[in-house]
C-alpha atoms as a PDB file:
ATOM      1  CA  MET A   1     113.521 111.025 116.559  1.00  0.00           C
ATOM      2  CA  VAL A   2     110.902 110.456 113.830  1.00  0.00           C
ATOM      3  CA  GLN A   3     108.324 113.002 112.747  1.00  0.00           C
ATOM      4  CA  VAL A   4     104.788 111.655 112.504  1.00  0.00           C
ATOM      5  CA  LYS A   5     102.028 113.288 110.388  1.00  0.00           C
ATOM      6  CA  LEU A   6      98.407 112.267 110.663  1.00  0.00           C
ATOM      7  CA  THR A   7      95.559 112.731 108.261  1.00  0.00           C
ATOM      8  CA  ARG A   8      93.241 115.423 109.563  1.00  0.00           C
ATOM      9  CA  HIS A   9      90.408 112.838 110.012  1.00  0.00           C
ATOM     10  CA  LEU A  10      92.382 111.167 112.891  1.00  0.00           C
ATOM     11  CA  TYR A  11      92.169 114.240 115.072  1.00  0.00           C
ATOM     12  CA  ALA A  12      88.455 113.812 115.473  1.00  0.00           C
ATOM     13  CA  PHE A  13      89.071 110.452 117.136  1.00  0.00           C
ATOM     14  CA  PHE A  14      92.406 111.483 119.008  1.00  0.00           C
ATOM     15  CA  PRO A  15      91.974 115.260 119.782  1.00  0.00           C
ATOM     16  CA  GLN A  16      94.818 115.020 122.268  1.00  0.00           C
ATOM     17  CA  LEU A  17      97.283 114.861 119.267  1.00  0.00           C
ATOM     18  CA  GLU A  18      95.969 117.900 117.466  1.00  0.00           C
ATOM     19  CA  GLY A  19      98.308 120.830 117.292  1.00  0.00           C
ATOM     20  CA  ARG A  20     101.273 118.891 118.616  1.00  0.00           C
ATOM     21  CA  ASP A  21     104.558 118.414 116.835  1.00  0.00           C
ATOM     22  CA  LEU A  22     104.468 114.629 116.812  1.00  0.00           C
ATOM     23  CA  GLU A  23     108.020 113.287 117.164  1.00  0.00           C
ATOM     24  CA  VAL A  24     108.693 109.929 118.572  1.00  0.00           C
ATOM     25  CA  GLU A  25     111.641 107.675 119.206  1.00  0.00           C
ATOM     26  CA  ALA A  26     111.212 104.574 116.973  1.00  0.00           C
ATOM     27  CA  SER A  27     113.464 102.318 114.856  1.00  0.00           C
ATOM     28  CA  ASP A  28     110.519 100.784 112.863  1.00  0.00           C
ATOM     29  CA  VAL A  29     106.960 101.436 111.949  1.00  0.00           C
ATOM     30  CA  ALA A  30     105.732  99.177 114.822  1.00  0.00           C
ATOM     31  CA  GLY A  31     107.583 101.448 117.227  1.00  0.00           C
ATOM     32  CA  VAL A  32     105.798 104.500 115.844  1.00  0.00           C
ATOM     33  CA  VAL A  33     102.409 102.839 116.457  1.00  0.00           C
ATOM     34  CA  ARG A  34     103.472 101.886 120.018  1.00  0.00           C
ATOM     35  CA  ALA A  35     104.647 105.451 120.789  1.00  0.00           C
ATOM     36  CA  LEU A  36     101.619 107.070 119.357  1.00  0.00           C
ATOM     37  CA  ASP A  37      99.416 104.687 121.320  1.00  0.00           C
ATOM     38  CA  ALA A  38     101.227 105.749 124.522  1.00  0.00           C
ATOM     39  CA  LEU A  39     100.273 109.411 123.694  1.00  0.00           C
ATOM     40  CA  ALA A  40      96.759 108.652 122.533  1.00  0.00           C
ATOM     41  CA  PRO A  41      95.497 105.211 123.819  1.00  0.00           C
ATOM     42  CA  GLY A  42      93.429 103.527 121.111  1.00  0.00           C
ATOM     43  CA  ILE A  43      95.234 104.886 118.052  1.00  0.00           C
ATOM     44  CA  GLY A  44      97.226 101.634 117.827  1.00  0.00           C
ATOM     45  CA  PHE A  45      93.961  99.682 117.480  1.00  0.00           C
ATOM     46  CA  TYR A  46      92.795 102.115 114.875  1.00  0.00           C
ATOM     47  CA  VAL A  47      95.936 101.490 112.891  1.00  0.00           C
ATOM     48  CA  CYS A  48      96.287  97.693 113.503  1.00  0.00           C
ATOM     49  CA  ASP A  49      94.021  94.807 114.093  1.00  0.00           C
ATOM     50  CA  GLU A  50      94.002  92.440 116.977  1.00  0.00           C
ATOM     51  CA  ARG A  51      96.929  90.436 115.454  1.00  0.00           C
ATOM     52  CA  GLY A  52      99.015  93.655 115.021  1.00  0.00           C
ATOM     53  CA  ARG A  53      98.555  93.808 111.332  1.00  0.00           C
ATOM     54  CA  MET A  54      97.905  97.073 109.557  1.00  0.00           C
ATOM     55  CA  ARG A  55      94.204  97.485 108.814  1.00  0.00           C
ATOM     56  CA  PRO A  56      93.109  97.682 105.190  1.00  0.00           C
ATOM     57  CA  HIS A  57      91.748 101.240 105.528  1.00  0.00           C
ATOM     58  CA  VAL A  58      95.133 102.580 106.727  1.00  0.00           C
ATOM     59  CA  ASN A  59      98.140 103.535 104.701  1.00  0.00           C
ATOM     60  CA  VAL A  60     101.526 104.392 106.155  1.00  0.00           C
ATOM     61  CA  PHE A  61     104.258 106.160 104.231  1.00  0.00           C
ATOM     62  CA  ILE A  62     107.846 106.736 105.138  1.00  0.00           C
ATOM     63  CA  GLY A  63     108.585 109.876 103.215  1.00  0.00           C
ATOM     64  CA  ASN A  64     106.966 109.293  99.906  1.00  0.00           C
ATOM     65  CA  THR A  65     107.259 105.405  99.993  1.00  0.00           C
ATOM     66  CA  MET A  66     104.451 103.250 101.241  1.00  0.00           C
ATOM     67  CA  VAL A  67     105.384 100.751 103.864  1.00  0.00           C
ATOM     68  CA  ARG A  68     106.001  97.223 102.567  1.00  0.00           C
ATOM     69  CA  ASP A  69     105.447  95.167 105.615  1.00  0.00           C
ATOM     70  CA  ARG A  70     101.783  95.456 106.653  1.00  0.00           C
ATOM     71  CA  ARG A  71     101.923  92.407 108.923  1.00  0.00           C
ATOM     72  CA  GLN A  72     104.792  93.089 111.330  1.00  0.00           C
ATOM     73  CA  LEU A  73     105.377  96.808 110.555  1.00  0.00           C
ATOM     74  CA  SER A  74     109.053  96.032 110.427  1.00  0.00           C
ATOM     75  CA  ASP A  75     109.991  98.810 107.883  1.00  0.00           C
ATOM     76  CA  VAL A  76     113.136 100.390 109.276  1.00  0.00           C
ATOM     77  CA  LEU A  77     113.319 104.137 110.193  1.00  0.00           C
ATOM     78  CA  ALA A  78     116.288 106.446 110.441  1.00  0.00           C
ATOM     79  CA  PRO A  79     116.375 109.464 112.718  1.00  0.00           C
ATOM     80  CA  GLY A  80     114.874 112.459 110.937  1.00  0.00           C
ATOM     81  CA  ASP A  81     112.474 110.261 108.786  1.00  0.00           C
ATOM     82  CA  SER A  82     108.844 111.458 108.305  1.00  0.00           C
ATOM     83  CA  VAL A  83     106.035 108.873 108.788  1.00  0.00           C
ATOM     84  CA  SER A  84     102.585 109.720 107.496  1.00  0.00           C
ATOM     85  CA  ILE A  85      99.484 107.798 108.648  1.00  0.00           C
ATOM     86  CA  LEU A  86      96.493 108.198 106.347  1.00  0.00           C
ATOM     87  CA  GLN A  87      93.040 106.717 106.259  1.00  0.00           C
ATOM     88  CA  ALA A  88      92.348 105.232 102.897  1.00  0.00           C
ATOM     89  CA  LEU A  89      89.078 106.391 101.358  1.00  0.00           C
ATOM     90  CA  SER A  90      86.606 104.192  99.755  1.00  0.00           C
ATOM     91  CA  GLY A  91      82.977 104.435  98.803  1.00  0.00           C
ATOM     92  CA  GLY A  92      80.203 102.929  96.843  1.00  0.00           C
END
């Protein structure tokens, strides 16, 4: 199992995830996105575009390391890993 942490902002869009210990079975980041989308339909499209690539405003970390593969989300996970999904902030 992999522990998933979401930035607080995401709970406004996906309130069904709030207050839950998010642990999913996944061997890569793409698997995490699929598992989260099964729990909260639509979160997969929030994280990824129509081609399955990570959106520019989203950052994903495995532990303290940012994922490298933003196209196929193939970064490998081990049981017990922690995955954080954050919205990047920008402004003007």
